[in-house]
Every structure is written in C-alpha cells, then in structure tokens.
Amino acid sequence: MSIVLIGMKGCGKTTLGRLLAQELQLTFIDSDAAIEQMHRQEKGEALSFREIFRRYGGEYFSALEVRTLQHIAQEGEATKFVLACGGQTPLREKNQQVLRKLGPIVFLQIDEPVLLKRILAQGVPAFFPYPDDPAKSLHELLAQRLPVYKKLADITVDVSVCTPGEAVHTILAELEHDKH
C-alpha cells in the first residue's frame, strides 16, 4: 500500500516521508518536486514550484497539480510509495478523490506556534495572505485547512514535540493498528 502524508508547510512531510519510505523500503515522492518535473516536461522550463505559482498563477498551478497527482496515481498502480503532498493539495475535491484511492492518509498535525516558527525560518511564504502579519496569515490558513485535513485523514499524528524518528515510529504503529 502507498501512504499519503498531508499537512501544512513546515510540519515535516518531506523529512518524515523520506524516513518512512526508507523504513518501509518504498519510493519517496515529494509532490512539489513532481509538479516541477511535470511543468518541465510540459513547458520545457525548469522552475521551482514557488516560481511556477508566481509566474503562472494559482489557476494554472492548481490544474498542473491535479495532472501531476493523477500521473502519480497511475504510476502508483505498479509501485507503492510514500507521497508528501503540498499543503494545498488536499483542499481540492478532485485531489481528495485521487488521494483516497492511493492508500491511508496521515495528517501531520503540529501546534500553531511551533509551525509558525518553522515556516518563518524559510521566510514568509508567497501564499500568506498578510505578508506583514505572518501569525494572522497562518491562523486564517489553519482555520480553512484543518477541517479538510482532519476529515480526509485516516490517521492523525501530532508531530509538535517529537523527533522525526519518534514520529515515524508512531505513524508505523498507527498504520499497523489500523490494519487490525
């Protein structure tokens, strides 16, 4: 079975996804990197996912994300993997349908203050509605996204205070528990 990790930017999806994939001897797929690759194939230009969003806008990015996810799902019929989703990916109904078919969905929950600190360590993200008030931006985004993440998740793991190794152990234990 493939495993899907969802949550906000900065919650550790990529770090934990790599560790989880290593532990289970599965392929790791970062959806942001996959989106960049799909854009490169379609447009012949190498841009970061942030740059794609900035240059082409949210609508193009959304459509590209849907195509990328569908491509990953088709590929995934032959191989199993751990997928780290972009923070916005689960918000679209089309994407939710694809994600549900891939395998168990693990929501990496993290306390707001911890998350804000992690996000701001990389600078204020382009998708924050109030660049001058990152705390307000994060609060509003969480208010929109948390209900979707929680509804979609098969398993929720709080990663606020644990090490990456402990988080992976918890995810594996929860997955095992879910099987029975």
Protein backbone atom coordinates (compact mmCIF):
# COMPACT_ATOMS: atom_id res chain seq x y z
CA MET A 1 0.00 0.00 0.00
CA SER A 2 1.08 3.56 -0.63
CA ILE A 3 0.97 6.11 2.18
CA VAL A 4 -0.03 9.76 1.78
CA LEU A 5 1.23 12.48 4.14
CA ILE A 6 -0.79 15.69 4.40
CA GLY A 7 -0.44 18.84 6.50
CA MET A 8 0.75 22.42 6.45
CA LYS A 9 4.05 23.57 5.02
CA GLY A 10 6.69 23.10 7.71
CA CYS A 11 5.01 20.17 9.51
CA GLY A 12 7.70 17.72 8.33
CA LYS A 13 6.04 15.87 5.43
CA THR A 14 9.23 15.66 3.37
CA THR A 15 11.52 14.73 6.26
CA LEU A 16 9.13 12.14 7.67
CA GLY A 17 8.17 10.91 4.21
CA ARG A 18 11.80 10.13 3.37
CA LEU A 19 12.33 8.33 6.69
CA LEU A 20 9.07 6.40 6.36
CA ALA A 21 9.88 5.36 2.79
CA GLN A 22 13.34 4.23 3.90
CA GLU A 23 11.90 2.24 6.79
CA LEU A 24 9.31 0.52 4.55
CA GLN A 25 11.68 0.23 1.56
CA LEU A 26 9.31 2.22 -0.64
CA THR A 27 9.89 5.02 -3.13
CA PHE A 28 9.51 8.55 -1.76
CA ILE A 29 7.64 11.12 -3.87
CA ASP A 30 7.56 14.80 -2.99
CA SER A 31 4.56 16.31 -4.79
CA ASP A 32 6.27 19.72 -5.12
CA ALA A 33 9.21 18.11 -6.95
CA ALA A 34 6.78 16.07 -9.08
CA ILE A 35 4.92 19.28 -10.02
CA GLU A 36 8.23 20.90 -11.05
CA GLN A 37 9.05 17.85 -13.17
CA MET A 38 5.61 17.85 -14.85
CA HIS A 39 5.95 21.57 -15.62
CA ARG A 40 9.42 20.96 -17.08
CA GLN A 41 8.05 18.19 -19.32
CA GLU A 42 5.07 20.27 -20.48
CA LYS A 43 6.64 23.72 -20.83
CA GLY A 44 10.31 22.86 -21.29
CA GLU A 45 11.43 25.17 -18.48
CA ALA A 46 12.90 24.33 -15.10
CA LEU A 47 11.22 26.39 -12.38
CA SER A 48 10.70 25.86 -8.66
CA PHE A 49 7.08 25.22 -7.65
CA ARG A 50 7.04 28.67 -5.99
CA GLU A 51 8.23 30.27 -9.22
CA ILE A 52 5.64 28.33 -11.27
CA PHE A 53 2.93 29.65 -8.93
CA ARG A 54 4.31 33.21 -9.08
CA ARG A 55 4.75 33.28 -12.85
CA TYR A 56 1.64 31.38 -14.00
CA GLY A 57 -0.80 31.99 -11.16
CA GLY A 58 -2.91 29.84 -8.88
CA GLU A 59 -5.29 28.52 -11.52
CA TYR A 60 -2.51 27.13 -13.72
CA PHE A 61 -0.75 25.73 -10.66
CA SER A 62 -3.95 24.02 -9.48
CA ALA A 63 -4.52 22.37 -12.86
CA LEU A 64 -0.86 21.31 -13.01
CA GLU A 65 -1.13 19.87 -9.51
CA VAL A 66 -4.23 17.84 -10.43
CA ARG A 67 -2.49 16.44 -13.57
CA THR A 68 0.62 15.62 -11.55
CA LEU A 69 -1.37 13.82 -8.86
CA GLN A 70 -3.29 11.81 -11.46
CA HIS A 71 0.03 10.86 -13.09
CA ILE A 72 1.44 9.76 -9.70
CA ALA A 73 -1.71 7.69 -9.08
CA GLN A 74 -1.37 5.95 -12.46
CA GLU A 75 2.30 5.20 -11.84
CA GLY A 76 1.39 4.05 -8.33
CA GLU A 77 -0.75 1.22 -9.62
CA ALA A 78 2.50 -0.59 -10.42
CA THR A 79 4.63 0.55 -7.46
CA LYS A 80 3.95 1.52 -3.88
CA PHE A 81 5.31 4.74 -2.43
CA VAL A 82 5.17 7.38 0.29
CA LEU A 83 3.76 10.67 -1.03
CA ALA A 84 4.34 14.01 0.69
CA CYS A 85 1.58 16.35 -0.53
CA GLY A 86 1.78 20.10 -0.87
CA GLY A 87 -0.20 21.90 1.84
CA GLN A 88 -2.91 22.97 -0.62
CA THR A 89 -3.20 19.64 -2.47
CA PRO A 90 -5.87 18.09 -0.19
CA LEU A 91 -8.06 21.20 -0.37
CA ARG A 92 -9.35 20.41 -3.87
CA GLU A 93 -12.16 17.88 -4.22
CA LYS A 94 -10.58 16.38 -7.37
CA ASN A 95 -7.35 15.77 -5.47
CA GLN A 96 -9.17 14.29 -2.47
CA GLN A 97 -10.70 11.62 -4.70
CA VAL A 98 -7.27 10.67 -6.08
CA LEU A 99 -5.59 10.72 -2.65
CA ARG A 100 -8.24 8.45 -1.09
CA LYS A 101 -7.50 5.78 -3.73
CA LEU A 102 -3.74 5.77 -3.07
CA GLY A 103 -3.74 4.41 0.47
CA PRO A 104 -4.01 5.54 4.06
CA ILE A 105 -3.80 9.31 4.53
CA VAL A 106 -1.73 10.51 7.50
CA PHE A 107 -2.29 14.07 8.73
CA LEU A 108 0.78 15.51 10.44
CA GLN A 109 -0.69 17.89 12.99
CA ILE A 110 1.52 20.48 14.66
CA ASP A 111 0.90 23.23 17.20
CA GLU A 112 0.46 26.66 15.61
CA PRO A 113 3.37 28.44 17.43
CA VAL A 114 5.79 25.62 16.52
CA LEU A 115 4.59 25.67 12.92
CA LEU A 116 4.87 29.45 12.60
CA LYS A 117 8.47 29.36 13.82
CA ARG A 118 9.37 26.60 11.31
CA ILE A 119 7.68 28.34 8.38
CA LEU A 120 9.25 31.73 9.10
CA ALA A 121 12.71 30.14 9.31
CA GLN A 122 12.44 29.90 5.49
CA GLY A 123 10.97 33.39 5.07
CA VAL A 124 7.34 34.49 4.66
CA PRO A 125 5.69 32.22 2.05
CA ALA A 126 4.10 33.71 -1.08
CA PHE A 127 0.72 32.14 -0.22
CA PHE A 128 0.40 34.01 3.10
CA PRO A 129 -2.49 36.49 2.66
CA TYR A 130 -0.92 39.05 5.04
CA PRO A 131 2.85 39.16 4.45
CA ASP A 132 3.16 41.83 7.18
CA ASP A 133 1.31 39.65 9.70
CA PRO A 134 2.51 36.04 9.35
CA ALA A 135 0.77 34.94 12.58
CA LYS A 136 -2.61 36.20 11.32
CA SER A 137 -1.95 34.58 7.91
CA LEU A 138 -1.15 31.20 9.44
CA HIS A 139 -4.13 31.39 11.80
CA GLU A 140 -6.55 32.04 8.91
CA LEU A 141 -5.00 29.33 6.72
CA LEU A 142 -5.23 26.79 9.54
CA ALA A 143 -8.89 27.74 10.11
CA GLN A 144 -9.57 26.89 6.44
CA ARG A 145 -7.36 23.83 6.11
CA LEU A 146 -7.55 21.92 9.41
CA PRO A 147 -11.16 20.78 8.95
CA VAL A 148 -10.29 19.43 5.48
CA TYR A 149 -7.10 17.72 6.68
CA LYS A 150 -8.91 16.14 9.64
CA LYS A 151 -11.85 14.96 7.54
CA LEU A 152 -9.58 13.41 4.91
CA ALA A 153 -7.13 11.76 7.32
CA ASP A 154 -7.30 8.09 8.22
CA ILE A 155 -4.67 8.72 10.89
CA THR A 156 -3.68 11.95 12.68
CA VAL A 157 -0.25 12.16 14.31
CA ASP A 158 0.79 15.14 16.44
CA VAL A 159 4.38 15.97 15.47
CA SER A 160 4.72 19.12 17.61
CA VAL A 161 7.22 17.82 20.16
CA CYS A 162 8.57 14.51 18.90
CA THR A 163 11.74 13.74 16.96
CA PRO A 164 11.39 12.63 13.33
CA GLY A 165 12.28 9.08 14.40
CA GLU A 166 9.58 9.05 17.07
CA ALA A 167 7.03 10.44 14.59
CA VAL A 168 7.85 7.68 12.06
CA HIS A 169 7.55 5.05 14.81
CA THR A 170 4.12 6.47 15.78
CA ILE A 171 2.95 6.51 12.14
CA LEU A 172 4.04 2.90 11.63
CA ALA A 173 2.33 1.81 14.86
CA GLU A 174 -0.90 3.60 13.84
CA LEU A 175 -0.80 2.04 10.35
CA GLU A 176 -0.29 -1.39 11.89
CA HIS A 177 -3.13 -0.76 14.35
CA ASP A 178 -5.42 0.36 11.51
CA LYS A 179 -4.89 -2.94 9.68
CA HIS A 180 -6.42 -4.89 12.56
